[in-house]
């Protein structure tokens, strides 16, 4: 079956690099006449993933936030902030869809890419989890090495 990609994905986390990546993805999506999906993964640590507290925007400081409802509400609040930053960088030049996932960041981005089959996944070079990047490697580095689709690191 031929592969006909229909969209671009920009994985965003609220960082300046993610905003630059979203703006780059929007420009490419406009040039390619493709829709853009902004993907935010609310980071829930897996067995080999470090999550910095700033990346969950303080959502886990309240024990009630650990309930499924609390985590869902925290992810929605964090996503609203992240998407607002990305949309500010993008402007109104392209059709944008927003998606939220929860879990280990790299596997969730890969899962979304597998489902959407994008022409390109665009990510920032550095995100919010600097300590995790130092200890375990960056999301962008992992995507470049594990992704079956083209990845652009901005």
N, C-alpha and C. Protein backbone atom coordinates (compact mmCIF):
# COMPACT_ATOMS: atom_id res chain seq x y z
N UNK A 1 0.85 -1.17 0.00
CA UNK A 1 0.00 0.00 0.00
C UNK A 1 0.89 1.24 0.00
N UNK A 2 0.67 2.17 -0.92
CA UNK A 2 1.49 3.39 -0.97
C UNK A 2 1.26 4.25 0.27
N UNK A 3 2.31 4.92 0.66
CA UNK A 3 2.27 5.81 1.82
C UNK A 3 2.04 7.23 1.32
N UNK A 4 0.92 7.85 1.71
CA UNK A 4 0.59 9.21 1.31
C UNK A 4 0.36 10.04 2.56
N UNK A 5 1.43 10.64 3.09
CA UNK A 5 1.28 11.42 4.32
C UNK A 5 0.38 12.64 4.10
N UNK A 6 -0.45 12.90 5.10
CA UNK A 6 -1.40 14.00 4.95
C UNK A 6 -1.16 15.16 5.89
N UNK A 7 -0.29 15.01 6.87
CA UNK A 7 -0.14 16.07 7.86
C UNK A 7 1.26 16.10 8.41
N UNK A 8 1.52 17.13 9.21
CA UNK A 8 2.76 17.24 9.97
C UNK A 8 2.41 17.22 11.45
N UNK A 9 3.33 16.75 12.26
CA UNK A 9 3.16 16.75 13.71
C UNK A 9 4.26 17.62 14.31
N UNK A 10 3.88 18.51 15.22
CA UNK A 10 4.85 19.25 16.03
C UNK A 10 4.63 18.82 17.47
N UNK A 11 5.61 18.15 18.05
CA UNK A 11 5.53 17.76 19.45
C UNK A 11 5.99 18.96 20.28
N UNK A 12 5.13 19.41 21.19
CA UNK A 12 5.40 20.63 21.95
C UNK A 12 5.33 20.35 23.45
N UNK A 13 6.12 21.13 24.20
CA UNK A 13 6.13 20.97 25.66
C UNK A 13 6.13 22.30 26.40
N UNK A 14 5.97 23.40 25.70
CA UNK A 14 5.95 24.71 26.35
C UNK A 14 7.30 25.40 26.37
N UNK A 15 8.35 24.73 25.93
CA UNK A 15 9.68 25.33 25.92
C UNK A 15 9.83 26.27 24.73
N UNK A 16 10.84 27.14 24.79
CA UNK A 16 11.11 28.04 23.66
C UNK A 16 11.48 27.26 22.41
N UNK A 17 12.25 26.20 22.56
CA UNK A 17 12.62 25.39 21.40
C UNK A 17 11.39 24.72 20.78
N UNK A 18 10.45 24.29 21.60
CA UNK A 18 9.22 23.69 21.08
C UNK A 18 8.39 24.73 20.32
N UNK A 19 8.37 25.96 20.81
CA UNK A 19 7.64 27.02 20.10
C UNK A 19 8.29 27.31 18.75
N UNK A 20 9.62 27.32 18.71
CA UNK A 20 10.32 27.50 17.43
C UNK A 20 10.02 26.34 16.48
N UNK A 21 9.99 25.13 17.03
CA UNK A 21 9.68 23.95 16.22
C UNK A 21 8.26 24.03 15.67
N UNK A 22 7.32 24.48 16.50
CA UNK A 22 5.93 24.61 16.05
C UNK A 22 5.82 25.64 14.94
N UNK A 23 6.53 26.76 15.07
CA UNK A 23 6.51 27.79 14.03
C UNK A 23 7.11 27.25 12.73
N UNK A 24 8.19 26.50 12.82
CA UNK A 24 8.81 25.89 11.64
C UNK A 24 7.84 24.90 11.00
N UNK A 25 7.22 24.07 11.82
CA UNK A 25 6.26 23.09 11.31
C UNK A 25 5.08 23.76 10.64
N UNK A 26 4.62 24.87 11.21
CA UNK A 26 3.50 25.60 10.61
C UNK A 26 3.88 26.15 9.25
N UNK A 27 5.08 26.70 9.15
CA UNK A 27 5.54 27.21 7.86
C UNK A 27 5.63 26.11 6.82
N UNK A 28 6.16 24.96 7.22
CA UNK A 28 6.25 23.83 6.29
C UNK A 28 4.87 23.30 5.92
N UNK A 29 3.98 23.22 6.90
CA UNK A 29 2.62 22.75 6.64
C UNK A 29 1.92 23.67 5.64
N UNK A 30 2.12 24.97 5.80
CA UNK A 30 1.52 25.92 4.87
C UNK A 30 2.09 25.74 3.47
N UNK A 31 3.41 25.61 3.37
CA UNK A 31 4.05 25.41 2.07
C UNK A 31 3.61 24.11 1.40
N UNK A 32 3.40 23.08 2.21
CA UNK A 32 3.01 21.77 1.69
C UNK A 32 1.50 21.61 1.56
N UNK A 33 0.76 22.64 2.01
CA UNK A 33 -0.70 22.59 2.02
C UNK A 33 -1.20 21.37 2.80
N UNK A 34 -0.67 21.22 4.01
CA UNK A 34 -1.02 20.10 4.88
C UNK A 34 -1.46 20.64 6.24
N UNK A 35 -2.35 19.92 6.92
CA UNK A 35 -2.71 20.34 8.28
C UNK A 35 -1.58 20.01 9.24
N UNK A 36 -1.61 20.67 10.39
CA UNK A 36 -0.59 20.49 11.42
C UNK A 36 -1.26 20.00 12.70
N UNK A 37 -0.67 18.97 13.29
CA UNK A 37 -1.12 18.50 14.59
C UNK A 37 -0.11 18.91 15.64
N UNK A 38 -0.57 19.66 16.63
CA UNK A 38 0.24 19.95 17.81
C UNK A 38 0.00 18.81 18.79
N UNK A 39 1.06 18.16 19.20
CA UNK A 39 0.96 17.04 20.12
C UNK A 39 1.67 17.39 21.42
N UNK A 40 0.92 17.33 22.51
CA UNK A 40 1.50 17.51 23.84
C UNK A 40 1.36 16.20 24.59
N UNK A 41 2.46 15.72 25.13
CA UNK A 41 2.44 14.52 25.95
C UNK A 41 2.65 14.93 27.40
N UNK A 42 1.60 14.72 28.20
CA UNK A 42 1.71 14.96 29.64
C UNK A 42 2.61 13.86 30.18
N UNK A 43 3.77 14.23 30.67
CA UNK A 43 4.78 13.21 30.97
C UNK A 43 4.48 12.40 32.21
N UNK A 44 4.19 11.15 32.01
CA UNK A 44 4.09 10.20 33.11
C UNK A 44 5.28 9.27 32.96
N UNK A 45 6.07 9.14 34.00
CA UNK A 45 7.31 8.39 33.85
C UNK A 45 7.09 6.91 33.62
N UNK A 46 7.86 6.38 32.69
CA UNK A 46 7.92 4.94 32.49
C UNK A 46 9.12 4.42 33.27
N UNK A 47 9.42 3.15 33.12
CA UNK A 47 10.51 2.58 33.91
C UNK A 47 11.89 3.16 33.60
N UNK A 48 12.07 3.75 32.41
CA UNK A 48 13.37 4.28 32.03
C UNK A 48 13.31 5.75 31.68
N UNK A 49 12.37 6.48 32.25
CA UNK A 49 12.21 7.88 31.87
C UNK A 49 12.12 8.76 33.10
N UNK A 50 12.89 9.83 33.09
CA UNK A 50 12.87 10.82 34.16
C UNK A 50 11.93 11.94 33.76
N UNK A 51 11.12 12.39 34.70
CA UNK A 51 10.23 13.52 34.45
C UNK A 51 10.56 14.60 35.46
N UNK A 52 10.90 15.78 34.98
CA UNK A 52 11.19 16.87 35.89
C UNK A 52 9.87 17.46 36.39
N UNK A 53 9.90 17.98 37.60
CA UNK A 53 8.69 18.54 38.18
C UNK A 53 8.18 19.73 37.40
N UNK A 54 9.08 20.53 36.81
CA UNK A 54 8.61 21.68 36.06
C UNK A 54 7.87 21.26 34.79
N UNK A 55 8.14 20.05 34.29
CA UNK A 55 7.47 19.62 33.06
C UNK A 55 6.02 19.23 33.29
N UNK A 56 5.64 18.99 34.52
CA UNK A 56 4.23 18.72 34.80
C UNK A 56 3.58 19.91 35.47
N UNK A 57 4.22 21.04 35.40
CA UNK A 57 3.72 22.33 35.89
C UNK A 57 3.14 22.27 37.30
N UNK A 58 3.81 21.54 38.17
CA UNK A 58 3.38 21.49 39.56
C UNK A 58 2.13 20.67 39.79
N UNK A 59 1.69 19.91 38.80
CA UNK A 59 0.43 19.19 38.91
C UNK A 59 0.45 18.12 39.98
N UNK A 60 1.61 17.61 40.32
CA UNK A 60 1.66 16.49 41.25
C UNK A 60 1.96 16.93 42.68
N UNK A 61 1.86 18.21 42.98
CA UNK A 61 2.13 18.68 44.33
C UNK A 61 0.99 18.39 45.28
N UNK A 62 -0.21 18.15 44.77
CA UNK A 62 -1.38 17.83 45.57
C UNK A 62 -1.65 16.33 45.45
N UNK A 63 -1.73 15.59 46.57
CA UNK A 63 -1.98 14.15 46.48
C UNK A 63 -3.25 13.80 45.70
N UNK A 64 -4.27 14.67 45.75
CA UNK A 64 -5.50 14.40 44.99
C UNK A 64 -5.24 14.40 43.49
N UNK A 65 -4.16 15.05 43.08
CA UNK A 65 -3.83 15.11 41.66
C UNK A 65 -3.39 13.75 41.13
N UNK A 66 -3.09 12.81 42.02
CA UNK A 66 -2.65 11.49 41.58
C UNK A 66 -3.80 10.58 41.18
N UNK A 67 -5.03 10.98 41.46
CA UNK A 67 -6.18 10.19 41.02
C UNK A 67 -6.30 10.31 39.50
N UNK A 68 -6.99 9.37 38.85
CA UNK A 68 -7.17 9.48 37.40
C UNK A 68 -7.82 10.80 36.98
N UNK A 69 -8.80 11.26 37.74
CA UNK A 69 -9.45 12.52 37.43
C UNK A 69 -8.50 13.69 37.63
N UNK A 70 -7.70 13.63 38.69
CA UNK A 70 -6.73 14.69 38.97
C UNK A 70 -5.67 14.76 37.89
N UNK A 71 -5.18 13.62 37.44
CA UNK A 71 -4.18 13.60 36.37
C UNK A 71 -4.77 14.10 35.06
N UNK A 72 -6.01 13.73 34.79
CA UNK A 72 -6.64 14.21 33.55
C UNK A 72 -6.81 15.72 33.57
N UNK A 73 -7.24 16.26 34.71
CA UNK A 73 -7.41 17.71 34.84
C UNK A 73 -6.06 18.42 34.73
N UNK A 74 -5.03 17.86 35.38
CA UNK A 74 -3.70 18.45 35.31
C UNK A 74 -3.17 18.43 33.88
N UNK A 75 -3.42 17.34 33.16
CA UNK A 75 -2.94 17.27 31.77
C UNK A 75 -3.65 18.29 30.89
N UNK A 76 -4.94 18.49 31.12
CA UNK A 76 -5.68 19.50 30.34
C UNK A 76 -5.17 20.91 30.61
N UNK A 77 -4.90 21.20 31.89
CA UNK A 77 -4.39 22.53 32.24
C UNK A 77 -3.00 22.75 31.65
N UNK A 78 -2.14 21.76 31.80
CA UNK A 78 -0.79 21.89 31.24
C UNK A 78 -0.85 22.02 29.73
N UNK A 79 -1.70 21.24 29.07
CA UNK A 79 -1.83 21.29 27.61
C UNK A 79 -2.32 22.66 27.16
N UNK A 80 -3.25 23.24 27.88
CA UNK A 80 -3.76 24.57 27.49
C UNK A 80 -2.62 25.59 27.48
N UNK A 81 -1.76 25.54 28.47
CA UNK A 81 -0.62 26.45 28.54
C UNK A 81 0.36 26.18 27.40
N UNK A 82 0.66 24.91 27.17
CA UNK A 82 1.60 24.52 26.12
C UNK A 82 1.06 24.90 24.74
N UNK A 83 -0.20 24.60 24.48
CA UNK A 83 -0.79 24.92 23.18
C UNK A 83 -0.87 26.43 22.95
N UNK A 84 -1.14 27.18 24.01
CA UNK A 84 -1.19 28.65 23.87
C UNK A 84 0.18 29.18 23.43
N UNK A 85 1.25 28.67 24.02
CA UNK A 85 2.59 29.11 23.64
C UNK A 85 2.88 28.74 22.18
N UNK A 86 2.51 27.54 21.78
CA UNK A 86 2.75 27.11 20.40
C UNK A 86 1.91 27.93 19.42
N UNK A 87 0.66 28.17 19.74
CA UNK A 87 -0.20 28.95 18.84
C UNK A 87 0.28 30.40 18.72
N UNK A 88 0.84 30.93 19.80
CA UNK A 88 1.39 32.28 19.74
C UNK A 88 2.55 32.32 18.74
N UNK A 89 3.37 31.28 18.73
CA UNK A 89 4.49 31.22 17.80
C UNK A 89 4.03 30.96 16.37
N UNK A 90 2.94 30.24 16.21
CA UNK A 90 2.44 29.86 14.88
C UNK A 90 1.65 30.97 14.21
N UNK A 91 0.78 31.60 14.97
CA UNK A 91 -0.15 32.56 14.37
C UNK A 91 -1.34 31.81 13.78
N UNK A 92 -2.00 32.42 12.82
CA UNK A 92 -3.21 31.83 12.24
C UNK A 92 -3.01 31.37 10.80
N UNK A 93 -1.80 31.00 10.44
CA UNK A 93 -1.50 30.75 9.03
C UNK A 93 -1.82 29.34 8.55
N UNK A 94 -2.17 28.43 9.46
CA UNK A 94 -2.34 27.03 9.05
C UNK A 94 -3.42 26.37 9.90
N UNK A 95 -4.07 25.36 9.34
CA UNK A 95 -5.07 24.57 10.06
C UNK A 95 -4.36 23.73 11.12
N UNK A 96 -4.77 23.88 12.40
CA UNK A 96 -4.09 23.21 13.50
C UNK A 96 -5.07 22.36 14.29
N UNK A 97 -4.66 21.13 14.56
CA UNK A 97 -5.39 20.22 15.44
C UNK A 97 -4.53 20.05 16.69
N UNK A 98 -5.16 19.96 17.85
CA UNK A 98 -4.43 19.74 19.10
C UNK A 98 -4.75 18.35 19.63
N UNK A 99 -3.71 17.65 20.05
CA UNK A 99 -3.87 16.32 20.64
C UNK A 99 -3.09 16.26 21.94
N UNK A 100 -3.68 15.59 22.93
CA UNK A 100 -3.03 15.39 24.21
C UNK A 100 -2.89 13.89 24.42
N UNK A 101 -1.72 13.48 24.89
CA UNK A 101 -1.49 12.10 25.29
C UNK A 101 -0.87 12.13 26.68
N UNK A 102 -0.96 11.03 27.39
CA UNK A 102 -0.36 10.92 28.71
C UNK A 102 0.46 9.65 28.76
N UNK A 103 1.68 9.78 29.25
CA UNK A 103 2.54 8.61 29.38
C UNK A 103 3.98 8.99 29.16
N UNK A 104 4.82 7.97 28.98
CA UNK A 104 6.22 8.24 28.66
C UNK A 104 6.29 8.99 27.32
N UNK A 105 7.03 10.07 27.27
CA UNK A 105 6.96 11.02 26.16
C UNK A 105 7.31 10.38 24.82
N UNK A 106 8.45 9.76 24.70
CA UNK A 106 8.87 9.22 23.40
C UNK A 106 7.91 8.15 22.89
N UNK A 107 7.55 7.15 23.69
CA UNK A 107 6.59 6.15 23.19
C UNK A 107 5.25 6.75 22.77
N UNK A 108 4.79 7.79 23.48
CA UNK A 108 3.52 8.41 23.11
C UNK A 108 3.63 9.19 21.79
N UNK A 109 4.76 9.85 21.57
CA UNK A 109 4.96 10.53 20.28
C UNK A 109 5.00 9.49 19.16
N UNK A 110 5.72 8.39 19.40
CA UNK A 110 5.79 7.33 18.39
C UNK A 110 4.42 6.72 18.11
N UNK A 111 3.62 6.55 19.15
CA UNK A 111 2.28 6.00 18.98
C UNK A 111 1.41 6.95 18.14
N UNK A 112 1.48 8.23 18.43
CA UNK A 112 0.72 9.22 17.65
C UNK A 112 1.18 9.24 16.21
N UNK A 113 2.47 9.17 15.99
CA UNK A 113 3.00 9.17 14.62
C UNK A 113 2.57 7.92 13.87
N UNK A 114 2.56 6.81 14.54
CA UNK A 114 2.12 5.57 13.89
C UNK A 114 0.65 5.68 13.49
N UNK A 115 -0.16 6.29 14.33
CA UNK A 115 -1.59 6.44 14.02
C UNK A 115 -1.84 7.46 12.91
N UNK A 116 -1.10 8.58 12.93
CA UNK A 116 -1.35 9.68 11.99
C UNK A 116 -0.54 9.56 10.70
N UNK A 117 0.52 8.79 10.72
CA UNK A 117 1.39 8.62 9.54
C UNK A 117 1.76 9.96 8.90
N UNK A 118 2.48 10.81 9.64
CA UNK A 118 2.78 12.16 9.15
C UNK A 118 3.87 12.17 8.08
N UNK A 119 3.90 13.26 7.34
CA UNK A 119 4.99 13.49 6.40
C UNK A 119 6.25 13.82 7.17
N UNK A 120 6.10 14.43 8.35
CA UNK A 120 7.24 14.89 9.12
C UNK A 120 6.81 15.10 10.57
N UNK A 121 7.71 14.76 11.50
CA UNK A 121 7.53 15.08 12.91
C UNK A 121 8.58 16.13 13.25
N UNK A 122 8.14 17.25 13.81
CA UNK A 122 9.05 18.35 14.13
C UNK A 122 9.10 18.51 15.64
N UNK A 123 10.32 18.57 16.18
CA UNK A 123 10.51 18.71 17.62
C UNK A 123 11.59 19.74 17.90
N UNK A 124 11.53 20.30 19.08
CA UNK A 124 12.58 21.21 19.51
C UNK A 124 13.80 20.43 19.97
N UNK A 125 14.92 21.08 19.90
CA UNK A 125 16.18 20.45 20.27
C UNK A 125 16.27 20.17 21.76
N UNK A 126 15.72 21.07 22.54
CA UNK A 126 15.73 20.91 23.99
C UNK A 126 14.34 21.19 24.52
N UNK A 127 13.95 20.44 25.52
CA UNK A 127 12.65 20.65 26.14
C UNK A 127 12.80 21.17 27.55
N UNK A 128 11.82 20.88 28.37
CA UNK A 128 11.82 21.39 29.74
C UNK A 128 12.60 20.52 30.71
N UNK A 129 12.82 19.27 30.38
CA UNK A 129 13.47 18.35 31.32
C UNK A 129 14.97 18.29 31.13
N UNK A 130 15.70 19.32 31.50
CA UNK A 130 17.15 19.38 31.28
C UNK A 130 17.90 18.29 32.06
N UNK A 131 17.51 18.04 33.30
CA UNK A 131 18.18 17.01 34.09
C UNK A 131 17.95 15.63 33.47
N UNK A 132 16.71 15.37 33.07
CA UNK A 132 16.41 14.09 32.43
C UNK A 132 17.18 13.92 31.14
N UNK A 133 17.33 15.01 30.39
CA UNK A 133 18.10 14.95 29.15
C UNK A 133 19.55 14.60 29.45
N UNK A 134 20.09 15.21 30.47
CA UNK A 134 21.49 14.94 30.84
C UNK A 134 21.65 13.48 31.26
N UNK A 135 20.72 12.98 32.06
CA UNK A 135 20.85 11.62 32.59
C UNK A 135 20.49 10.54 31.58
N UNK A 136 19.45 10.76 30.79
CA UNK A 136 18.91 9.68 29.98
C UNK A 136 18.84 9.97 28.49
N UNK A 137 19.20 11.15 28.06
CA UNK A 137 19.12 11.48 26.64
C UNK A 137 17.87 12.26 26.31
N UNK A 138 17.93 13.01 25.23
CA UNK A 138 16.83 13.90 24.91
C UNK A 138 15.74 13.19 24.12
N UNK A 139 14.54 13.76 24.19
CA UNK A 139 13.42 13.25 23.39
C UNK A 139 13.77 13.31 21.91
N UNK A 140 14.33 14.44 21.47
CA UNK A 140 14.66 14.57 20.05
C UNK A 140 15.67 13.51 19.61
N UNK A 141 16.67 13.26 20.42
CA UNK A 141 17.67 12.25 20.09
C UNK A 141 17.03 10.86 19.98
N UNK A 142 16.17 10.54 20.93
CA UNK A 142 15.49 9.24 20.90
C UNK A 142 14.60 9.12 19.67
N UNK A 143 13.88 10.18 19.33
CA UNK A 143 13.00 10.12 18.16
C UNK A 143 13.79 9.93 16.88
N UNK A 144 14.90 10.62 16.75
CA UNK A 144 15.71 10.49 15.54
C UNK A 144 16.17 9.04 15.38
N UNK A 145 16.46 8.38 16.48
CA UNK A 145 16.99 7.02 16.39
C UNK A 145 15.92 5.93 16.42
N UNK A 146 14.70 6.25 16.85
CA UNK A 146 13.67 5.22 16.97
C UNK A 146 12.49 5.41 16.04
N UNK A 147 12.45 6.49 15.32
CA UNK A 147 11.27 6.86 14.56
C UNK A 147 11.32 6.31 13.14
N UNK A 148 10.20 5.81 12.64
CA UNK A 148 10.12 5.27 11.28
C UNK A 148 9.76 6.36 10.27
N UNK A 149 9.44 7.56 10.74
CA UNK A 149 9.07 8.67 9.87
C UNK A 149 10.15 9.74 9.95
N UNK A 150 10.20 10.65 8.98
CA UNK A 150 11.20 11.72 9.05
C UNK A 150 10.99 12.62 10.27
N UNK A 151 12.09 12.98 10.91
CA UNK A 151 12.06 13.84 12.09
C UNK A 151 12.95 15.05 11.81
N UNK A 152 12.40 16.24 12.06
CA UNK A 152 13.16 17.47 11.95
C UNK A 152 13.35 18.02 13.35
N UNK A 153 14.60 18.21 13.74
CA UNK A 153 14.92 18.78 15.05
C UNK A 153 15.30 20.24 14.84
N UNK A 154 14.56 21.13 15.50
CA UNK A 154 14.77 22.58 15.33
C UNK A 154 15.50 23.12 16.55
